[in-house]
Amino acid sequence: MKSTLKIITVLFISLLVSCGGKEEKKEETFSYQKKAPTEKKEEAPKVETVKASEKIDLTNKGVGPIKSVELPADIDQSMATKGEDIYKKMCTACHRVDKKFIGPAPTGILERRTPEWIMNMILNPEEMVQNDPLAKELLIEFNGSPMANQNLTEDEARAVLEYFRTLK
């Protein structure tokens, strides 16, 4: 029995040595493989949106009592001075002559809007914001701040318009 035990032990040891003997250690290396270029997707062309205050619309006359305004070639200086006084008293709380404030700047307004639209906005801001698409866009652009109705007369609004003609 001793010899059988010795034989089994020798076989067992030789089996262990043959199976679990030397292992070659593999050196771990880091390899950086560049990814193959992928196809670039064509991006849809960006549609640039123009702010309402920068849009040019010389056909819209707005909503209100003013249907037609004739502007003479020369600026009426006395009317423009009167309009400047009205503007300083009634409008400067929300408007600055040459920069965006609570409302848009009037400089260059006649290059973007019709005289009728401007006067209707001055005289009838509530209805303009409800029914005129451009006035609605302006309301959105200026954070929902509606233009206050200053209850100007048509003559006063015309004087303010004449003042706007002097702003270039």
N, C-alpha and C. Protein backbone atom coordinates (compact mmCIF):
# COMPACT_ATOMS: atom_id res chain seq x y z
N MET A 1 0.81 -1.16 0.00
CA MET A 1 0.00 0.00 0.00
C MET A 1 0.87 1.26 0.00
N LYS A 2 2.04 1.14 0.66
CA LYS A 2 2.93 2.27 0.69
C LYS A 2 3.45 2.57 -0.70
N SER A 3 3.74 1.59 -1.45
CA SER A 3 4.27 1.83 -2.78
C SER A 3 3.19 2.42 -3.68
N THR A 4 1.95 2.04 -3.54
CA THR A 4 0.85 2.61 -4.33
C THR A 4 0.67 4.07 -3.94
N LEU A 5 0.79 4.37 -2.69
CA LEU A 5 0.64 5.74 -2.22
C LEU A 5 1.77 6.60 -2.77
N LYS A 6 2.99 6.05 -2.82
CA LYS A 6 4.12 6.79 -3.35
C LYS A 6 3.91 7.06 -4.85
N ILE A 7 3.43 6.08 -5.56
CA ILE A 7 3.22 6.23 -6.99
C ILE A 7 2.14 7.29 -7.26
N ILE A 8 1.09 7.25 -6.52
CA ILE A 8 -0.01 8.22 -6.69
C ILE A 8 0.50 9.62 -6.36
N THR A 9 1.32 9.76 -5.31
CA THR A 9 1.85 11.05 -4.91
C THR A 9 2.77 11.60 -6.00
N VAL A 10 3.63 10.76 -6.56
CA VAL A 10 4.55 11.18 -7.62
C VAL A 10 3.75 11.60 -8.85
N LEU A 11 2.75 10.84 -9.22
CA LEU A 11 1.92 11.19 -10.36
C LEU A 11 1.18 12.53 -10.13
N PHE A 12 0.73 12.69 -8.93
CA PHE A 12 -0.01 13.91 -8.60
C PHE A 12 0.91 15.13 -8.67
N ILE A 13 2.10 15.02 -8.12
CA ILE A 13 3.06 16.11 -8.12
C ILE A 13 3.49 16.43 -9.56
N SER A 14 3.77 15.40 -10.34
CA SER A 14 4.17 15.65 -11.72
C SER A 14 3.03 16.28 -12.52
N LEU A 15 1.82 15.92 -12.23
CA LEU A 15 0.65 16.53 -12.88
C LEU A 15 0.57 18.01 -12.54
N LEU A 16 0.78 18.34 -11.26
CA LEU A 16 0.74 19.74 -10.83
C LEU A 16 1.85 20.55 -11.49
N VAL A 17 3.04 19.99 -11.55
CA VAL A 17 4.17 20.71 -12.13
C VAL A 17 3.95 20.94 -13.62
N SER A 18 3.42 19.97 -14.30
CA SER A 18 3.23 20.12 -15.74
C SER A 18 2.12 21.11 -16.08
N CYS A 19 1.12 21.19 -15.26
CA CYS A 19 -0.01 22.09 -15.56
C CYS A 19 0.23 23.51 -15.08
N GLY A 20 0.76 23.69 -13.93
CA GLY A 20 0.83 25.03 -13.38
C GLY A 20 2.22 25.55 -13.29
N GLY A 21 3.12 25.06 -14.06
CA GLY A 21 4.51 25.43 -13.99
C GLY A 21 4.76 26.87 -14.35
N LYS A 22 5.73 27.11 -15.19
CA LYS A 22 6.11 28.47 -15.56
C LYS A 22 5.07 29.08 -16.48
N GLU A 23 4.77 30.31 -16.16
CA GLU A 23 3.92 31.07 -17.07
C GLU A 23 4.72 32.26 -17.55
N GLU A 24 4.66 32.52 -18.81
CA GLU A 24 5.34 33.70 -19.31
C GLU A 24 4.46 34.91 -19.01
N LYS A 25 5.09 35.88 -18.38
CA LYS A 25 4.33 37.08 -18.07
C LYS A 25 4.29 37.96 -19.31
N LYS A 26 3.09 38.34 -19.67
CA LYS A 26 2.95 39.23 -20.81
C LYS A 26 3.07 40.66 -20.31
N GLU A 27 3.84 41.43 -21.02
CA GLU A 27 4.02 42.81 -20.64
C GLU A 27 2.80 43.59 -21.13
N GLU A 28 2.21 44.28 -20.20
CA GLU A 28 1.04 45.05 -20.59
C GLU A 28 1.50 46.34 -21.25
N THR A 29 0.99 46.58 -22.40
CA THR A 29 1.34 47.82 -23.10
C THR A 29 0.07 48.54 -23.48
N PHE A 30 0.22 49.84 -23.59
CA PHE A 30 -0.92 50.68 -23.98
C PHE A 30 -0.73 51.05 -25.44
N SER A 31 -1.74 50.79 -26.21
CA SER A 31 -1.63 51.18 -27.61
C SER A 31 -2.78 52.11 -27.95
N TYR A 32 -2.46 53.13 -28.68
CA TYR A 32 -3.46 54.11 -29.08
C TYR A 32 -3.72 53.91 -30.55
N GLN A 33 -4.93 53.49 -30.83
CA GLN A 33 -5.27 53.32 -32.23
C GLN A 33 -6.16 54.47 -32.66
N LYS A 34 -5.74 55.09 -33.71
CA LYS A 34 -6.51 56.21 -34.24
C LYS A 34 -7.77 55.67 -34.90
N LYS A 35 -8.87 56.30 -34.54
CA LYS A 35 -10.13 55.86 -35.14
C LYS A 35 -10.16 56.27 -36.60
N ALA A 36 -10.74 55.41 -37.35
CA ALA A 36 -10.90 55.73 -38.77
C ALA A 36 -11.85 56.92 -38.88
N PRO A 37 -11.56 57.84 -39.79
CA PRO A 37 -12.44 59.00 -39.91
C PRO A 37 -13.85 58.57 -40.28
N THR A 38 -14.77 59.18 -39.59
CA THR A 38 -16.17 58.87 -39.88
C THR A 38 -16.70 59.91 -40.86
N GLU A 39 -17.73 59.53 -41.51
CA GLU A 39 -18.32 60.46 -42.47
C GLU A 39 -18.96 61.61 -41.71
N LYS A 40 -18.68 62.80 -42.20
CA LYS A 40 -19.30 63.97 -41.57
C LYS A 40 -20.70 64.13 -42.10
N LYS A 41 -21.59 64.33 -41.16
CA LYS A 41 -22.97 64.57 -41.57
C LYS A 41 -23.09 66.00 -42.03
N GLU A 42 -23.79 66.18 -43.11
CA GLU A 42 -24.00 67.54 -43.58
C GLU A 42 -24.99 68.21 -42.66
N GLU A 43 -24.55 69.34 -42.13
CA GLU A 43 -25.42 70.09 -41.24
C GLU A 43 -26.37 70.93 -42.07
N ALA A 44 -27.55 71.05 -41.55
CA ALA A 44 -28.52 71.91 -42.23
C ALA A 44 -28.01 73.34 -42.15
N PRO A 45 -28.16 74.09 -43.20
CA PRO A 45 -27.69 75.47 -43.16
C PRO A 45 -28.41 76.24 -42.06
N LYS A 46 -27.63 77.00 -41.32
CA LYS A 46 -28.23 77.76 -40.22
C LYS A 46 -29.06 78.90 -40.80
N VAL A 47 -30.25 78.99 -40.29
CA VAL A 47 -31.13 80.07 -40.71
C VAL A 47 -30.92 81.19 -39.71
N GLU A 48 -30.38 82.28 -40.20
CA GLU A 48 -30.15 83.39 -39.30
C GLU A 48 -31.46 84.14 -39.11
N THR A 49 -31.81 84.30 -37.87
CA THR A 49 -33.03 85.02 -37.59
C THR A 49 -32.69 86.48 -37.33
N VAL A 50 -33.47 87.33 -37.91
CA VAL A 50 -33.27 88.76 -37.75
C VAL A 50 -34.18 89.22 -36.63
N LYS A 51 -33.62 89.99 -35.72
CA LYS A 51 -34.43 90.53 -34.63
C LYS A 51 -35.52 91.43 -35.21
N ALA A 52 -36.64 91.46 -34.53
CA ALA A 52 -37.76 92.28 -34.99
C ALA A 52 -37.35 93.75 -35.08
N SER A 53 -36.52 94.20 -34.15
CA SER A 53 -36.11 95.61 -34.15
C SER A 53 -35.18 95.93 -35.32
N GLU A 54 -34.61 94.90 -35.96
CA GLU A 54 -33.71 95.11 -37.09
C GLU A 54 -34.36 94.78 -38.44
N LYS A 55 -35.54 94.19 -38.40
CA LYS A 55 -36.23 93.85 -39.64
C LYS A 55 -36.61 95.11 -40.41
N ILE A 56 -36.58 94.97 -41.70
CA ILE A 56 -36.99 96.09 -42.56
C ILE A 56 -38.32 95.72 -43.19
N ASP A 57 -39.33 96.54 -42.92
CA ASP A 57 -40.66 96.34 -43.50
C ASP A 57 -41.21 97.71 -43.86
N LEU A 58 -41.08 98.07 -45.11
CA LEU A 58 -41.53 99.38 -45.57
C LEU A 58 -42.86 99.31 -46.32
N THR A 59 -43.63 98.25 -46.03
CA THR A 59 -44.96 98.13 -46.64
C THR A 59 -46.06 98.14 -45.58
N ASN A 60 -45.77 97.69 -44.39
CA ASN A 60 -46.75 97.58 -43.31
C ASN A 60 -47.07 98.96 -42.75
N LYS A 61 -48.34 99.32 -42.76
CA LYS A 61 -48.76 100.62 -42.22
C LYS A 61 -49.30 100.50 -40.81
N GLY A 62 -49.38 99.29 -40.29
CA GLY A 62 -49.84 99.11 -38.92
C GLY A 62 -51.35 99.16 -38.80
N VAL A 63 -51.79 99.15 -37.55
CA VAL A 63 -53.21 99.14 -37.23
C VAL A 63 -53.51 100.40 -36.43
N GLY A 64 -54.43 101.20 -36.93
CA GLY A 64 -54.78 102.41 -36.20
C GLY A 64 -55.34 103.48 -37.10
N PRO A 65 -55.42 104.69 -36.59
CA PRO A 65 -56.10 105.76 -37.31
C PRO A 65 -55.30 106.33 -38.49
N ILE A 66 -54.01 106.13 -38.52
CA ILE A 66 -53.18 106.75 -39.56
C ILE A 66 -53.11 105.82 -40.76
N LYS A 67 -53.65 106.30 -41.88
CA LYS A 67 -53.66 105.52 -43.12
C LYS A 67 -52.63 106.03 -44.11
N SER A 68 -52.30 107.35 -44.03
CA SER A 68 -51.36 107.92 -44.98
C SER A 68 -50.65 109.11 -44.34
N VAL A 69 -49.34 109.18 -44.55
CA VAL A 69 -48.55 110.32 -44.06
C VAL A 69 -47.65 110.76 -45.20
N GLU A 70 -47.70 112.04 -45.52
CA GLU A 70 -46.83 112.61 -46.54
C GLU A 70 -45.68 113.31 -45.83
N LEU A 71 -44.45 112.89 -46.12
CA LEU A 71 -43.28 113.53 -45.54
C LEU A 71 -42.62 114.41 -46.59
N PRO A 72 -42.53 115.73 -46.34
CA PRO A 72 -41.86 116.60 -47.30
C PRO A 72 -40.36 116.27 -47.34
N ALA A 73 -39.70 116.69 -48.39
CA ALA A 73 -38.27 116.39 -48.54
C ALA A 73 -37.44 117.03 -47.44
N ASP A 74 -37.81 118.26 -47.06
CA ASP A 74 -37.07 118.97 -46.02
C ASP A 74 -37.71 118.74 -44.65
N ILE A 75 -36.85 118.65 -43.65
CA ILE A 75 -37.35 118.47 -42.28
C ILE A 75 -37.81 119.82 -41.73
N ASP A 76 -38.98 119.82 -41.12
CA ASP A 76 -39.53 121.01 -40.47
C ASP A 76 -38.86 121.12 -39.10
N GLN A 77 -37.89 122.03 -38.96
CA GLN A 77 -37.09 122.13 -37.74
C GLN A 77 -37.92 122.49 -36.51
N SER A 78 -38.91 123.38 -36.67
CA SER A 78 -39.72 123.75 -35.50
C SER A 78 -40.56 122.56 -35.04
N MET A 79 -41.09 121.78 -35.98
CA MET A 79 -41.86 120.60 -35.62
C MET A 79 -40.93 119.55 -34.98
N ALA A 80 -39.73 119.41 -35.51
CA ALA A 80 -38.77 118.44 -34.97
C ALA A 80 -38.37 118.82 -33.55
N THR A 81 -38.21 120.12 -33.28
CA THR A 81 -37.87 120.58 -31.93
C THR A 81 -39.01 120.28 -30.96
N LYS A 82 -40.23 120.53 -31.42
CA LYS A 82 -41.40 120.20 -30.59
C LYS A 82 -41.44 118.69 -30.34
N GLY A 83 -41.17 117.89 -31.37
CA GLY A 83 -41.15 116.43 -31.23
C GLY A 83 -40.07 115.96 -30.28
N GLU A 84 -38.90 116.62 -30.31
CA GLU A 84 -37.82 116.26 -29.40
C GLU A 84 -38.24 116.52 -27.95
N ASP A 85 -38.91 117.65 -27.72
CA ASP A 85 -39.39 117.96 -26.36
C ASP A 85 -40.39 116.90 -25.88
N ILE A 86 -41.32 116.53 -26.75
CA ILE A 86 -42.31 115.51 -26.40
C ILE A 86 -41.61 114.18 -26.13
N TYR A 87 -40.66 113.83 -26.99
CA TYR A 87 -39.92 112.57 -26.83
C TYR A 87 -39.20 112.55 -25.48
N LYS A 88 -38.52 113.66 -25.14
CA LYS A 88 -37.78 113.71 -23.87
C LYS A 88 -38.71 113.60 -22.67
N LYS A 89 -39.90 114.17 -22.76
CA LYS A 89 -40.83 114.13 -21.64
C LYS A 89 -41.57 112.80 -21.53
N MET A 90 -41.96 112.23 -22.67
CA MET A 90 -42.87 111.09 -22.66
C MET A 90 -42.22 109.73 -22.96
N CYS A 91 -41.08 109.74 -23.62
CA CYS A 91 -40.56 108.48 -24.17
C CYS A 91 -39.26 107.99 -23.55
N THR A 92 -38.49 108.88 -22.93
CA THR A 92 -37.16 108.49 -22.47
C THR A 92 -37.18 107.54 -21.27
N ALA A 93 -38.32 107.33 -20.66
CA ALA A 93 -38.38 106.35 -19.58
C ALA A 93 -38.11 104.94 -20.13
N CYS A 94 -38.45 104.73 -21.40
CA CYS A 94 -38.29 103.39 -22.00
C CYS A 94 -37.39 103.36 -23.24
N HIS A 95 -37.14 104.49 -23.86
CA HIS A 95 -36.37 104.51 -25.11
C HIS A 95 -35.14 105.40 -24.96
N ARG A 96 -34.04 104.97 -25.55
CA ARG A 96 -32.83 105.77 -25.69
C ARG A 96 -32.65 106.02 -27.18
N VAL A 97 -32.16 107.18 -27.53
CA VAL A 97 -32.09 107.59 -28.92
C VAL A 97 -31.31 106.60 -29.77
N ASP A 98 -30.15 106.16 -29.29
CA ASP A 98 -29.29 105.35 -30.16
C ASP A 98 -28.93 103.98 -29.61
N LYS A 99 -29.66 103.50 -28.60
CA LYS A 99 -29.38 102.15 -28.12
C LYS A 99 -30.64 101.50 -27.56
N LYS A 100 -30.62 100.18 -27.59
CA LYS A 100 -31.73 99.39 -27.06
C LYS A 100 -31.82 99.63 -25.55
N PHE A 101 -33.01 99.80 -25.07
CA PHE A 101 -33.24 99.97 -23.64
C PHE A 101 -34.43 99.09 -23.30
N ILE A 102 -35.43 99.60 -22.66
CA ILE A 102 -36.64 98.81 -22.43
C ILE A 102 -37.37 98.62 -23.74
N GLY A 103 -37.30 99.63 -24.59
CA GLY A 103 -37.86 99.57 -25.94
C GLY A 103 -36.78 99.85 -26.96
N PRO A 104 -37.09 99.71 -28.24
CA PRO A 104 -36.08 99.91 -29.29
C PRO A 104 -35.66 101.38 -29.44
N ALA A 105 -34.48 101.57 -29.98
CA ALA A 105 -33.97 102.92 -30.26
C ALA A 105 -34.64 103.46 -31.52
N PRO A 106 -35.00 104.73 -31.53
CA PRO A 106 -35.65 105.29 -32.72
C PRO A 106 -34.68 105.71 -33.83
N THR A 107 -33.39 105.73 -33.57
CA THR A 107 -32.44 106.13 -34.61
C THR A 107 -32.55 105.21 -35.82
N GLY A 108 -32.74 105.80 -36.98
CA GLY A 108 -32.85 105.03 -38.22
C GLY A 108 -34.17 104.30 -38.40
N ILE A 109 -35.15 104.60 -37.58
CA ILE A 109 -36.44 103.88 -37.65
C ILE A 109 -37.12 104.05 -39.00
N LEU A 110 -36.96 105.20 -39.62
CA LEU A 110 -37.62 105.43 -40.91
C LEU A 110 -36.97 104.65 -42.05
N GLU A 111 -35.84 104.04 -41.79
CA GLU A 111 -35.22 103.16 -42.78
C GLU A 111 -35.78 101.74 -42.67
N ARG A 112 -36.50 101.47 -41.57
CA ARG A 112 -37.04 100.13 -41.32
C ARG A 112 -38.56 100.07 -41.29
N ARG A 113 -39.22 101.19 -41.01
CA ARG A 113 -40.68 101.22 -40.87
C ARG A 113 -41.28 102.37 -41.67
N THR A 114 -42.55 102.19 -42.00
CA THR A 114 -43.26 103.27 -42.69
C THR A 114 -43.65 104.34 -41.67
N PRO A 115 -43.80 105.58 -42.11
CA PRO A 115 -44.23 106.64 -41.19
C PRO A 115 -45.59 106.32 -40.55
N GLU A 116 -46.48 105.69 -41.33
CA GLU A 116 -47.80 105.32 -40.81
C GLU A 116 -47.67 104.31 -39.66
N TRP A 117 -46.80 103.33 -39.84
CA TRP A 117 -46.60 102.30 -38.81
C TRP A 117 -46.09 102.95 -37.52
N ILE A 118 -45.13 103.86 -37.67
CA ILE A 118 -44.56 104.54 -36.50
C ILE A 118 -45.63 105.33 -35.76
N MET A 119 -46.40 106.11 -36.49
CA MET A 119 -47.43 106.92 -35.84
C MET A 119 -48.52 106.05 -35.22
N ASN A 120 -48.90 104.97 -35.91
CA ASN A 120 -49.91 104.07 -35.33
C ASN A 120 -49.38 103.40 -34.06
N MET A 121 -48.07 103.10 -34.02
CA MET A 121 -47.50 102.51 -32.82
C MET A 121 -47.50 103.51 -31.67
N ILE A 122 -47.24 104.78 -31.98
CA ILE A 122 -47.26 105.82 -30.95
C ILE A 122 -48.68 106.05 -30.45
N LEU A 123 -49.64 106.11 -31.37
CA LEU A 123 -51.01 106.46 -31.02
C LEU A 123 -51.85 105.28 -30.53
N ASN A 124 -51.51 104.08 -30.96
CA ASN A 124 -52.40 102.94 -30.76
C ASN A 124 -51.60 101.67 -30.38
N PRO A 125 -50.75 101.74 -29.34
CA PRO A 125 -49.86 100.61 -29.07
C PRO A 125 -50.58 99.32 -28.65
N GLU A 126 -51.71 99.44 -27.95
CA GLU A 126 -52.41 98.23 -27.49
C GLU A 126 -52.92 97.41 -28.66
N GLU A 127 -53.61 98.07 -29.60
CA GLU A 127 -54.17 97.36 -30.74
C GLU A 127 -53.06 96.87 -31.68
N MET A 128 -51.98 97.65 -31.79
CA MET A 128 -50.85 97.24 -32.63
C MET A 128 -50.26 95.92 -32.10
N VAL A 129 -50.07 95.83 -30.81
CA VAL A 129 -49.48 94.62 -30.21
C VAL A 129 -50.42 93.42 -30.37
N GLN A 130 -51.71 93.67 -30.39
CA GLN A 130 -52.67 92.58 -30.55
C GLN A 130 -52.81 92.13 -32.00
N ASN A 131 -52.70 93.06 -32.96
CA ASN A 131 -53.06 92.73 -34.34
C ASN A 131 -51.96 92.89 -35.39
N ASP A 132 -50.86 93.52 -35.05
CA ASP A 132 -49.80 93.72 -36.03
C ASP A 132 -48.68 92.70 -35.77
N PRO A 133 -48.33 91.88 -36.77
CA PRO A 133 -47.33 90.83 -36.55
C PRO A 133 -45.96 91.37 -36.13
N LEU A 134 -45.55 92.48 -36.69
CA LEU A 134 -44.25 93.05 -36.33
C LEU A 134 -44.26 93.59 -34.90
N ALA A 135 -45.34 94.22 -34.52
CA ALA A 135 -45.46 94.72 -33.14
C ALA A 135 -45.45 93.55 -32.15
N LYS A 136 -46.07 92.43 -32.53
CA LYS A 136 -46.05 91.24 -31.67
C LYS A 136 -44.62 90.72 -31.50
N GLU A 137 -43.86 90.70 -32.60
CA GLU A 137 -42.46 90.25 -32.53
C GLU A 137 -41.62 91.18 -31.66
N LEU A 138 -41.88 92.47 -31.76
CA LEU A 138 -41.16 93.44 -30.93
C LEU A 138 -41.47 93.22 -29.45
N LEU A 139 -42.72 92.93 -29.15
CA LEU A 139 -43.11 92.66 -27.77
C LEU A 139 -42.32 91.47 -27.23
N ILE A 140 -42.18 90.43 -28.03
CA ILE A 140 -41.42 89.25 -27.61
C ILE A 140 -39.94 89.60 -27.45
N GLU A 141 -39.39 90.32 -28.43
CA GLU A 141 -37.97 90.69 -28.37
C GLU A 141 -37.65 91.52 -27.13
N PHE A 142 -38.57 92.39 -26.74
CA PHE A 142 -38.34 93.26 -25.60
C PHE A 142 -38.99 92.72 -24.33
N ASN A 143 -38.91 91.40 -24.20
CA ASN A 143 -39.29 90.68 -22.97
C ASN A 143 -40.70 90.94 -22.48
N GLY A 144 -41.61 91.11 -23.41
CA GLY A 144 -43.02 91.27 -23.05
C GLY A 144 -43.35 92.63 -22.47
N SER A 145 -42.46 93.60 -22.63
CA SER A 145 -42.73 94.95 -22.13
C SER A 145 -43.54 95.71 -23.17
N PRO A 146 -44.84 95.87 -22.94
CA PRO A 146 -45.66 96.56 -23.94
C PRO A 146 -45.39 98.06 -23.90
N MET A 147 -45.56 98.69 -25.04
CA MET A 147 -45.41 100.15 -25.10
C MET A 147 -46.61 100.78 -24.43
N ALA A 148 -46.33 101.73 -23.56
CA ALA A 148 -47.41 102.43 -22.86
C ALA A 148 -48.05 103.45 -23.79
N ASN A 149 -49.36 103.55 -23.71
CA ASN A 149 -50.07 104.56 -24.48
C ASN A 149 -49.91 105.89 -23.75
N GLN A 150 -49.23 106.84 -24.39
CA GLN A 150 -48.99 108.14 -23.77
C GLN A 150 -50.11 109.14 -24.08
N ASN A 151 -51.14 108.67 -24.80
CA ASN A 151 -52.30 109.50 -25.14
C ASN A 151 -51.89 110.80 -25.84
N LEU A 152 -50.97 110.65 -26.80
CA LEU A 152 -50.57 111.81 -27.59
C LEU A 152 -51.62 112.08 -28.66
N THR A 153 -51.69 113.32 -29.09
CA THR A 153 -52.58 113.68 -30.21
C THR A 153 -51.86 113.31 -31.51
N GLU A 154 -52.60 113.33 -32.60
CA GLU A 154 -51.99 113.05 -33.90
C GLU A 154 -50.92 114.09 -34.22
N ASP A 155 -51.15 115.35 -33.86
CA ASP A 155 -50.16 116.40 -34.12
C ASP A 155 -48.88 116.15 -33.30
N GLU A 156 -49.04 115.73 -32.06
CA GLU A 156 -47.86 115.44 -31.23
C GLU A 156 -47.11 114.22 -31.78
N ALA A 157 -47.83 113.20 -32.20
CA ALA A 157 -47.19 112.02 -32.77
C ALA A 157 -46.47 112.38 -34.06
N ARG A 158 -47.05 113.28 -34.85
CA ARG A 158 -46.41 113.72 -36.09
C ARG A 158 -45.14 114.49 -35.79
N ALA A 159 -45.16 115.30 -34.70
CA ALA A 159 -43.97 116.05 -34.30
C ALA A 159 -42.86 115.08 -33.85
N VAL A 160 -43.22 114.04 -33.13
CA VAL A 160 -42.24 113.03 -32.71
C VAL A 160 -41.66 112.34 -33.95
N LEU A 161 -42.52 112.02 -34.91
CA LEU A 161 -42.05 111.41 -36.15
C LEU A 161 -41.06 112.35 -36.86
N GLU A 162 -41.35 113.64 -36.87
CA GLU A 162 -40.44 114.61 -37.51
C GLU A 162 -39.10 114.63 -36.76
N TYR A 163 -39.14 114.52 -35.44
CA TYR A 163 -37.90 114.43 -34.67
C TYR A 163 -37.12 113.17 -35.05
N PHE A 164 -37.82 112.06 -35.22
CA PHE A 164 -37.16 110.80 -35.62
C PHE A 164 -36.45 110.96 -36.96
N ARG A 165 -36.98 111.81 -37.83
CA ARG A 165 -36.34 112.04 -39.13
C ARG A 165 -34.96 112.67 -38.98
N THR A 166 -34.73 113.39 -37.87
CA THR A 166 -33.43 114.03 -37.65
C THR A 166 -32.40 113.05 -37.10
N LEU A 167 -32.84 111.89 -36.64
CA LEU A 167 -31.93 110.91 -36.03
C LEU A 167 -31.38 110.00 -37.12
N LYS A 168 -30.11 110.08 -37.35
CA LYS A 168 -29.50 109.24 -38.41
C LYS A 168 -28.47 108.32 -37.80
